[in-house]
Amino acid sequence: MNFIKIALLSTACLSMMAGAACKSTKQSEQPATATAQAEQASPSSQVIVGAARTSKYVPLLKGKRIALLSNQTGMVGDKHVLDIMLEHGLNVVTIFSPEHGFRGKADAGEKVSSSVDEKTGIPIASLYDGKTPMPSKETMDKCDVIVVDIQDVGLRFYTYYVTMIHLMDAAAQYGKQFVVFDRPNPNGMTVDGPILDMKLKSGVGYLPIPTVYGMTLGELARMANGEGWLQGGKKIDLTVIPCENYTHQTRYQLPIAPSPNLPNMASIYLYPSLCYFEGTTVSLGRGTDFPFQCYGHPAMTGRNFSFTPTSRFGAKTPPQMGKKCYGVDLRGLDPEQVIAQGINLDYVIDAYNDLHKHGQQFLLKEGDRNFFNLLMGNTQVYKMIEAGKSASEIKATWKQDDEKFKAQRRPYLLYKE
């Protein structure tokens, strides 16, 4: 079974989405009842994203000065949410841009300068310029409400939710309304990985949640607000415009690549297992046509598969650039098998054992706050790998914590588990 490539939604789908209507969800409201959840359509039905449901958010936002966090994923069919909002007479005064920029053209980790949107002339305030993750007082004084519409992939080390939390902190500080146009989580069927040790809090791990947390951004925003995770335990005026025809078991095919190195569903499903290589000398395919769908290293010889990373869009200076890497091609895996496995540390353990055997460096940097540990969310997993523990033995260490998290998150869920 091959992964389905990301493709744009049809214009017909846009018409159906624009005509959809359903109830918005205030933070103070209870999540959908079991009966209401059961009425949601099967996973094969067409999902209607929050941004498509103008009848629910246009009245809410009319007459207010809006700051919009979005990027290239904020699409409803062939229209961007910004254009839809402007067509409905909404006053968008500022665009907030996350990692990769408003149009999604910057490399991972690359600083993005503030600018002006060429199409609309609306100022863009970068939240990923290397200066501060919080918008300035001057920017906040110009808006009444912050709107978030961005496609997340449900991983603790994926930075879009961190940007959202910073904006929620800003909303709390300046007394602004906060609205999330919800989108499905393509990894929303899974809860897996250790809960973040908050001593390792960073830009790739910001909340006390598992690596794969199984929540949409709307649900996560509700949880952060309800659990007192915002600065000073403050609460905000939060509204979520939920999706229709979505459950956490929906196999949602993303219509737009969420970032340059997650080009298809194969990469998105393998991301929870392969991202840890970012903290090592091992390449995970950046600089190839199949990033996050393989792994390899020049010293891992004796393997049937090889690739050579090159400089290209989205990977200007990829790890092991220009060097022939030997390793494992994961593109042929059944997606349902990948989903069922959740986080699979066999890949990391395989590469570690191979490089260790050849006397090669594995981690990029030693110390408790090395990037591998920041991505993993604790310091214990790497020690267990060094000690020769199996992937299943390591995974068993966080199972109980994940069950507690599932119970903790339940009041904030908007969709059937």
Protein backbone atom coordinates (compact mmCIF):
# COMPACT_ATOMS: atom_id res chain seq x y z
CA MET A 1 0.00 0.00 0.00
CA ASN A 2 1.58 3.30 -1.06
CA PHE A 3 1.21 6.58 0.73
CA ILE A 4 -1.10 9.04 -0.99
CA LYS A 5 0.76 12.12 -2.21
CA ILE A 6 -0.41 15.49 -0.96
CA ALA A 7 -2.79 17.08 -3.49
CA LEU A 8 -4.84 20.25 -3.55
CA LEU A 9 -8.52 20.04 -2.67
CA SER A 10 -10.88 20.55 -5.60
CA THR A 11 -12.89 23.69 -6.30
CA ALA A 12 -16.05 21.65 -5.78
CA CYS A 13 -14.80 20.82 -2.30
CA LEU A 14 -14.35 24.55 -1.66
CA SER A 15 -17.98 25.21 -2.51
CA MET A 16 -19.12 22.47 -0.16
CA MET A 17 -16.87 23.76 2.62
CA ALA A 18 -17.98 27.38 2.24
CA GLY A 19 -21.62 26.38 2.59
CA ALA A 20 -21.07 24.29 5.72
CA ALA A 21 -22.33 25.37 9.11
CA CYS A 22 -21.86 24.07 12.61
CA LYS A 23 -21.54 25.28 16.17
CA SER A 24 -18.47 27.17 17.38
CA THR A 25 -17.01 26.14 20.70
CA LYS A 26 -16.20 28.55 23.50
CA GLN A 27 -13.60 27.54 26.07
CA SER A 28 -16.24 27.64 28.77
CA GLU A 29 -18.43 25.09 26.98
CA GLN A 30 -18.20 21.37 27.61
CA PRO A 31 -16.78 19.15 24.83
CA ALA A 32 -19.14 17.29 22.56
CA THR A 33 -21.21 14.60 24.22
CA ALA A 34 -20.75 10.94 23.33
CA THR A 35 -23.99 11.06 21.35
CA ALA A 36 -22.91 14.10 19.37
CA GLN A 37 -19.50 12.54 18.76
CA ALA A 38 -21.12 9.33 17.54
CA GLU A 39 -23.05 11.34 14.97
CA GLN A 40 -19.84 12.49 13.32
CA ALA A 41 -19.34 10.94 9.92
CA SER A 42 -17.04 8.03 9.24
CA PRO A 43 -13.32 8.64 8.58
CA SER A 44 -13.94 8.38 4.82
CA SER A 45 -16.20 11.45 4.82
CA GLN A 46 -15.00 14.86 3.69
CA VAL A 47 -13.59 16.88 6.56
CA ILE A 48 -14.69 20.51 6.71
CA VAL A 49 -12.05 22.72 8.34
CA GLY A 50 -12.85 25.59 10.68
CA ALA A 51 -11.69 28.22 8.20
CA ALA A 52 -14.40 27.09 5.75
CA ARG A 53 -17.19 27.89 8.20
CA THR A 54 -17.55 31.60 7.63
CA SER A 55 -21.11 31.71 8.98
CA LYS A 56 -19.73 30.90 12.42
CA TYR A 57 -16.75 33.25 12.61
CA VAL A 58 -17.59 36.26 10.43
CA PRO A 59 -20.26 37.54 12.88
CA LEU A 60 -17.84 36.95 15.74
CA LEU A 61 -15.05 38.96 14.10
CA LYS A 62 -16.98 41.67 12.25
CA GLY A 63 -15.89 45.18 13.23
CA LYS A 64 -12.80 43.99 15.10
CA ARG A 65 -9.14 44.55 14.27
CA ILE A 66 -7.69 41.11 13.55
CA ALA A 67 -4.16 39.73 13.80
CA LEU A 68 -3.91 36.47 11.83
CA LEU A 69 -1.40 33.66 12.42
CA SER A 70 -1.25 31.53 9.29
CA ASN A 71 1.01 30.34 6.51
CA GLN A 72 0.78 28.49 3.19
CA THR A 73 -1.37 25.78 4.83
CA GLY A 74 -4.23 28.17 5.64
CA MET A 75 -6.17 27.13 2.56
CA VAL A 76 -9.83 26.32 1.90
CA GLY A 77 -9.78 24.70 -1.51
CA ASP A 78 -7.89 27.13 -3.73
CA LYS A 79 -8.39 30.21 -1.51
CA HIS A 80 -6.27 31.33 1.40
CA VAL A 81 -8.04 32.09 4.67
CA LEU A 82 -6.68 35.65 4.52
CA ASP A 83 -8.42 36.25 1.19
CA ILE A 84 -11.64 34.67 2.47
CA MET A 85 -11.62 36.91 5.54
CA LEU A 86 -10.99 40.03 3.45
CA GLU A 87 -13.75 39.07 1.00
CA HIS A 88 -16.17 38.92 3.93
CA GLY A 89 -15.23 42.42 5.04
CA LEU A 90 -13.10 41.44 8.02
CA ASN A 91 -10.42 43.90 9.07
CA VAL A 92 -7.11 42.00 9.15
CA VAL A 93 -4.50 44.52 10.30
CA THR A 94 -1.53 42.22 10.97
CA ILE A 95 -0.26 38.85 9.79
CA PHE A 96 1.85 36.78 12.20
CA SER A 97 4.29 34.40 10.49
CA PRO A 98 5.70 31.23 12.13
CA GLU A 99 8.76 29.09 11.35
CA HIS A 100 9.22 28.82 7.54
CA GLY A 101 7.46 32.19 7.06
CA PHE A 102 4.00 33.22 5.88
CA ARG A 103 4.47 31.62 2.47
CA GLY A 104 6.36 28.60 3.87
CA LYS A 105 9.56 29.18 1.91
CA ALA A 106 12.19 29.32 4.68
CA ASP A 107 14.39 26.45 5.86
CA ALA A 108 13.83 24.75 9.20
CA GLY A 109 15.22 27.01 11.91
CA GLU A 110 15.97 29.83 9.47
CA LYS A 111 15.24 33.29 10.86
CA VAL A 112 12.39 35.05 9.08
CA SER A 113 12.28 38.83 8.93
CA SER A 114 9.14 40.92 9.30
CA SER A 115 7.87 42.30 6.01
CA VAL A 116 4.70 43.13 4.05
CA ASP A 117 2.46 40.65 2.25
CA GLU A 118 2.91 41.38 -1.45
CA LYS A 119 -0.65 40.47 -2.39
CA THR A 120 -2.59 42.42 0.25
CA GLY A 121 -0.11 44.98 1.57
CA ILE A 122 -0.83 43.86 5.15
CA PRO A 123 2.20 44.06 7.50
CA ILE A 124 3.75 40.70 8.45
CA ALA A 125 5.14 40.46 11.98
CA SER A 126 7.54 37.53 12.15
CA LEU A 127 7.44 35.42 15.32
CA TYR A 128 10.52 33.51 14.15
CA ASP A 129 13.05 36.30 13.62
CA GLY A 130 15.45 35.19 16.37
CA LYS A 131 14.64 38.23 18.54
CA THR A 132 11.58 37.36 20.61
CA PRO A 133 8.74 34.85 20.17
CA MET A 134 6.30 37.40 21.57
CA PRO A 135 4.81 40.18 19.43
CA SER A 136 5.63 43.74 20.43
CA LYS A 137 3.29 45.96 22.43
CA GLU A 138 3.02 48.22 19.39
CA THR A 139 1.74 45.30 17.30
CA MET A 140 -0.64 44.09 20.00
CA ASP A 141 -2.08 47.58 20.50
CA LYS A 142 -3.27 47.54 16.88
CA CYS A 143 -5.49 44.45 17.23
CA ASP A 144 -8.54 43.34 19.21
CA VAL A 145 -8.44 39.64 18.43
CA ILE A 146 -5.87 37.03 17.39
CA VAL A 147 -6.96 34.36 14.91
CA VAL A 148 -4.97 31.15 14.34
CA ASP A 149 -5.38 29.07 11.19
CA ILE A 150 -2.42 26.82 10.54
CA GLN A 151 -1.92 23.12 9.81
CA ASP A 152 -0.17 21.29 12.64
CA VAL A 153 1.08 17.68 12.55
CA GLY A 154 0.64 16.82 16.23
CA LEU A 155 4.24 16.47 17.41
CA ARG A 156 5.67 18.15 20.50
CA PHE A 157 8.80 19.21 18.63
CA TYR A 158 6.89 20.76 15.70
CA THR A 159 7.05 24.48 16.36
CA TYR A 160 3.66 25.75 15.18
CA TYR A 161 1.89 24.97 18.47
CA VAL A 162 4.68 26.72 20.38
CA THR A 163 4.06 29.86 18.32
CA MET A 164 0.35 29.57 19.14
CA ILE A 165 1.09 29.32 22.87
CA HIS A 166 3.28 32.44 22.72
CA LEU A 167 0.38 34.28 21.08
CA MET A 168 -1.98 33.00 23.77
CA ASP A 169 0.42 34.42 26.36
CA ALA A 170 0.35 37.73 24.49
CA ALA A 171 -3.46 37.62 24.41
CA ALA A 172 -3.47 37.09 28.17
CA GLN A 173 -0.99 39.90 28.76
CA TYR A 174 -2.82 42.45 26.62
CA GLY A 175 -6.40 41.30 27.17
CA LYS A 176 -7.11 40.19 23.60
CA GLN A 177 -9.70 37.72 22.34
CA PHE A 178 -8.31 34.49 20.83
CA VAL A 179 -9.92 32.39 18.09
CA VAL A 180 -8.66 29.13 16.57
CA PHE A 181 -9.93 27.94 13.20
CA ASP A 182 -9.33 24.25 13.82
CA ARG A 183 -7.79 21.78 11.40
CA PRO A 184 -7.37 17.99 11.72
CA ASN A 185 -4.27 16.46 13.23
CA PRO A 186 -2.89 13.87 10.76
CA ASN A 187 -1.30 12.08 13.72
CA GLY A 188 -4.37 12.61 15.89
CA MET A 189 -5.03 8.89 16.30
CA THR A 190 -1.88 8.42 18.40
CA VAL A 191 -0.67 9.31 21.89
CA ASP A 192 2.92 8.15 22.39
CA GLY A 193 6.27 9.18 23.81
CA PRO A 194 7.54 10.50 27.12
CA ILE A 195 5.93 13.51 28.78
CA LEU A 196 8.28 16.48 28.46
CA ASP A 197 10.62 16.96 31.41
CA MET A 198 10.06 20.70 31.86
CA LYS A 199 13.74 21.12 32.77
CA LEU A 200 14.27 20.56 29.03
CA LYS A 201 11.69 23.12 27.95
CA SER A 202 12.77 24.68 24.65
CA GLY A 203 11.55 25.78 21.26
CA VAL A 204 11.13 22.09 20.32
CA GLY A 205 9.33 21.13 23.53
CA TYR A 206 7.20 23.65 25.36
CA LEU A 207 4.35 21.96 27.22
CA PRO A 208 4.12 18.93 29.58
CA ILE A 209 2.69 16.70 26.86
CA PRO A 210 3.82 13.47 25.13
CA THR A 211 5.84 13.55 21.93
CA VAL A 212 2.72 12.57 19.96
CA TYR A 213 -0.17 14.18 21.82
CA GLY A 214 -3.18 13.27 19.68
CA MET A 215 -4.94 16.65 19.77
CA THR A 216 -5.80 19.33 17.25
CA LEU A 217 -4.49 22.85 17.82
CA GLY A 218 -7.95 23.87 18.95
CA GLU A 219 -8.04 21.11 21.54
CA LEU A 220 -4.50 21.84 22.67
CA ALA A 221 -5.33 25.54 23.05
CA ARG A 222 -8.31 24.57 25.25
CA MET A 223 -6.05 22.35 27.36
CA ALA A 224 -3.30 24.96 27.76
CA ASN A 225 -5.92 27.49 28.82
CA GLY A 226 -7.78 25.12 31.13
CA GLU A 227 -4.71 23.57 32.77
CA GLY A 228 -3.12 26.92 33.61
CA TRP A 229 -0.17 26.41 31.27
CA LEU A 230 -0.10 30.02 30.07
CA GLN A 231 2.29 32.46 31.72
CA GLY A 232 1.27 33.14 35.30
CA GLY A 233 -1.56 30.62 34.98
CA LYS A 234 -3.66 33.27 33.24
CA LYS A 235 -6.81 32.48 31.27
CA ILE A 236 -7.90 33.99 27.96
CA ASP A 237 -11.17 34.50 26.10
CA LEU A 238 -10.83 31.51 23.75
CA THR A 239 -13.14 30.35 20.96
CA VAL A 240 -12.50 27.33 18.74
CA ILE A 241 -14.26 26.94 15.39
CA PRO A 242 -14.15 23.13 15.14
CA CYS A 243 -13.95 20.89 12.09
CA GLU A 244 -16.88 18.85 10.85
CA ASN A 245 -16.80 15.16 9.89
CA TYR A 246 -13.53 14.59 11.77
CA THR A 247 -12.65 12.12 14.51
CA HIS A 248 -9.26 11.22 15.94
CA GLN A 249 -9.29 8.08 13.83
CA THR A 250 -9.71 10.00 10.56
CA ARG A 251 -6.92 9.35 8.07
CA TYR A 252 -6.73 12.95 6.97
CA GLN A 253 -4.65 13.59 3.85
CA LEU A 254 -3.08 17.03 4.11
CA PRO A 255 -3.92 19.20 1.08
CA ILE A 256 -0.77 21.34 1.47
CA ALA A 257 2.69 20.35 2.70
CA PRO A 258 2.96 21.84 6.22
CA SER A 259 6.68 22.57 5.83
CA PRO A 260 9.35 22.02 3.15
CA ASN A 261 10.67 18.73 4.53
CA LEU A 262 7.31 17.06 5.19
CA PRO A 263 6.26 16.67 1.54
CA ASN A 264 3.79 13.78 1.83
CA MET A 265 1.93 11.54 4.26
CA ALA A 266 4.81 9.07 4.44
CA SER A 267 7.05 11.74 5.96
CA ILE A 268 4.30 12.92 8.32
CA TYR A 269 3.60 9.43 9.69
CA LEU A 270 7.33 8.63 10.05
CA TYR A 271 8.18 12.01 11.59
CA PRO A 272 7.52 10.84 15.20
CA SER A 273 10.16 8.11 14.80
CA LEU A 274 12.79 9.86 12.70
CA CYS A 275 13.01 13.42 14.02
CA TYR A 276 15.45 12.40 16.76
CA PHE A 277 18.10 11.99 14.06
CA GLU A 278 18.16 15.80 13.92
CA GLY A 279 20.27 15.66 17.08
CA THR A 280 22.73 13.15 15.59
CA THR A 281 25.20 12.83 12.73
CA VAL A 282 22.76 10.61 10.85
CA SER A 283 20.92 11.99 7.83
CA LEU A 284 17.15 11.48 7.64
CA GLY A 285 17.00 12.44 4.00
CA ARG A 286 17.06 16.23 4.10
CA GLY A 287 18.47 17.33 0.76
CA THR A 288 16.82 14.43 -1.11
CA ASP A 289 13.42 13.89 -2.73
CA PHE A 290 12.34 11.84 0.29
CA PRO A 291 13.11 13.65 3.56
CA PHE A 292 11.89 11.93 6.74
CA GLN A 293 11.45 8.70 4.78
CA CYS A 294 14.91 7.18 5.20
CA TYR A 295 18.04 7.39 7.33
CA GLY A 296 21.73 6.82 6.67
CA HIS A 297 25.35 7.81 7.24
CA PRO A 298 28.58 7.58 5.22
CA ALA A 299 29.98 5.05 7.73
CA MET A 300 26.95 2.74 7.67
CA THR A 301 28.38 0.69 4.82
CA GLY A 302 27.21 -2.76 3.81
CA ARG A 303 23.64 -1.60 3.22
CA ASN A 304 21.72 -2.03 -0.02
CA PHE A 305 20.29 1.50 0.00
CA SER A 306 22.24 4.73 -0.44
CA PHE A 307 21.56 8.42 -1.07
CA THR A 308 23.53 11.67 -1.31
CA PRO A 309 22.05 14.84 0.26
CA THR A 310 22.41 17.98 -1.84
CA SER A 311 21.62 21.66 -1.29
CA ARG A 312 18.09 22.51 -2.42
CA PHE A 313 14.93 24.41 -1.49
CA GLY A 314 14.06 23.67 2.13
CA ALA A 315 17.48 22.14 2.81
CA LYS A 316 20.22 24.62 1.94
CA THR A 317 22.90 22.90 4.05
CA PRO A 318 21.56 19.43 4.91
CA PRO A 319 23.49 17.07 7.21
CA GLN A 320 26.11 15.01 5.34
CA MET A 321 25.70 17.25 2.29
CA GLY A 322 27.51 15.89 -0.76
CA LYS A 323 28.42 12.62 0.99
CA LYS A 324 27.12 9.22 -0.01
CA CYS A 325 25.09 7.83 2.87
CA TYR A 326 24.23 4.18 3.37
CA GLY A 327 21.15 3.22 5.28
CA VAL A 328 17.48 2.26 5.21
CA ASP A 329 14.69 3.25 2.81
CA LEU A 330 11.33 3.39 4.61
CA ARG A 331 9.16 4.49 1.69
CA GLY A 332 7.72 1.03 1.08
CA LEU A 333 6.14 0.66 4.52
CA ASP A 334 2.39 0.24 4.86
CA PRO A 335 1.05 3.47 6.39
CA GLU A 336 -1.28 1.58 8.72
CA GLN A 337 1.71 -0.36 10.02
CA VAL A 338 3.59 2.89 10.66
CA ILE A 339 0.57 4.40 12.45
CA ALA A 340 0.10 1.28 14.59
CA GLN A 341 3.75 1.30 15.69
CA GLY A 342 3.65 4.91 16.85
CA ILE A 343 7.15 5.95 17.87
CA ASN A 344 9.53 3.27 16.62
CA LEU A 345 12.97 3.63 18.18
CA ASP A 346 14.33 0.64 16.26
CA TYR A 347 15.60 3.06 13.60
CA VAL A 348 17.58 5.16 16.07
CA ILE A 349 18.92 2.07 17.86
CA ASP A 350 19.97 0.51 14.54
CA ALA A 351 21.94 3.61 13.51
CA TYR A 352 23.43 4.04 17.00
CA ASN A 353 24.67 0.44 17.09
CA ASP A 354 26.13 0.67 13.58
CA LEU A 355 28.04 3.90 14.22
CA HIS A 356 29.14 2.78 17.69
CA LYS A 357 30.53 -0.41 16.16
CA HIS A 358 32.58 1.65 13.71
CA GLY A 359 33.78 4.10 16.36
CA GLN A 360 31.81 6.94 14.77
CA GLN A 361 30.24 9.90 16.55
CA PHE A 362 26.46 9.60 16.96
CA LEU A 363 25.29 12.65 18.93
CA LEU A 364 26.03 16.09 17.56
CA LYS A 365 26.64 17.43 21.05
CA GLU A 366 27.09 15.89 24.49
CA GLY A 367 25.43 17.08 27.69
CA ASP A 368 21.93 16.82 29.14
CA ARG A 369 20.57 19.59 26.92
CA ASN A 370 21.91 18.19 23.67
CA PHE A 371 19.45 18.44 20.82
CA PHE A 372 18.63 14.73 20.90
CA ASN A 373 17.45 15.02 24.50
CA LEU A 374 15.52 18.21 23.78
CA LEU A 375 13.67 16.41 20.99
CA MET A 376 13.11 13.32 23.12
CA GLY A 377 11.95 15.41 26.06
CA ASN A 378 14.07 13.67 28.67
CA THR A 379 17.63 12.48 29.36
CA GLN A 380 16.76 8.88 30.15
CA VAL A 381 15.99 7.48 26.72
CA TYR A 382 19.48 8.02 25.35
CA LYS A 383 20.99 6.43 28.45
CA MET A 384 18.78 3.39 27.88
CA ILE A 385 19.92 3.20 24.25
CA GLU A 386 23.54 3.29 25.44
CA ALA A 387 22.72 0.52 27.90
CA GLY A 388 21.44 -1.71 25.11
CA LYS A 389 17.73 -1.60 25.96
CA SER A 390 15.34 -2.58 23.19
CA ALA A 391 12.80 -0.24 21.61
CA SER A 392 9.94 -2.07 23.32
CA GLU A 393 11.66 -1.89 26.72
CA ILE A 394 12.17 1.84 26.33
CA LYS A 395 8.62 2.41 25.14
CA ALA A 396 7.22 0.62 28.17
CA THR A 397 8.74 3.29 30.44
CA TRP A 398 6.31 5.98 29.31
CA LYS A 399 3.13 3.93 28.77
CA GLN A 400 1.64 4.67 32.20
CA ASP A 401 2.30 8.42 31.87
CA ASP A 402 0.59 8.45 28.48
CA GLU A 403 -2.51 6.82 29.95
CA LYS A 404 -2.65 9.53 32.62
CA PHE A 405 -2.29 12.17 29.91
CA LYS A 406 -5.19 10.69 27.94
CA ALA A 407 -7.40 11.06 31.00
CA GLN A 408 -6.11 14.59 31.63
CA ARG A 409 -6.82 15.74 28.07
CA ARG A 410 -10.29 14.20 27.81
CA PRO A 411 -12.27 17.25 29.05
CA TYR A 412 -10.72 19.35 26.29
CA LEU A 413 -11.39 17.06 23.33
CA LEU A 414 -13.81 18.23 20.66
CA TYR A 415 -13.81 15.08 18.56
CA LYS A 416 -14.42 11.38 19.12
CA GLU A 417 -11.33 9.44 20.18
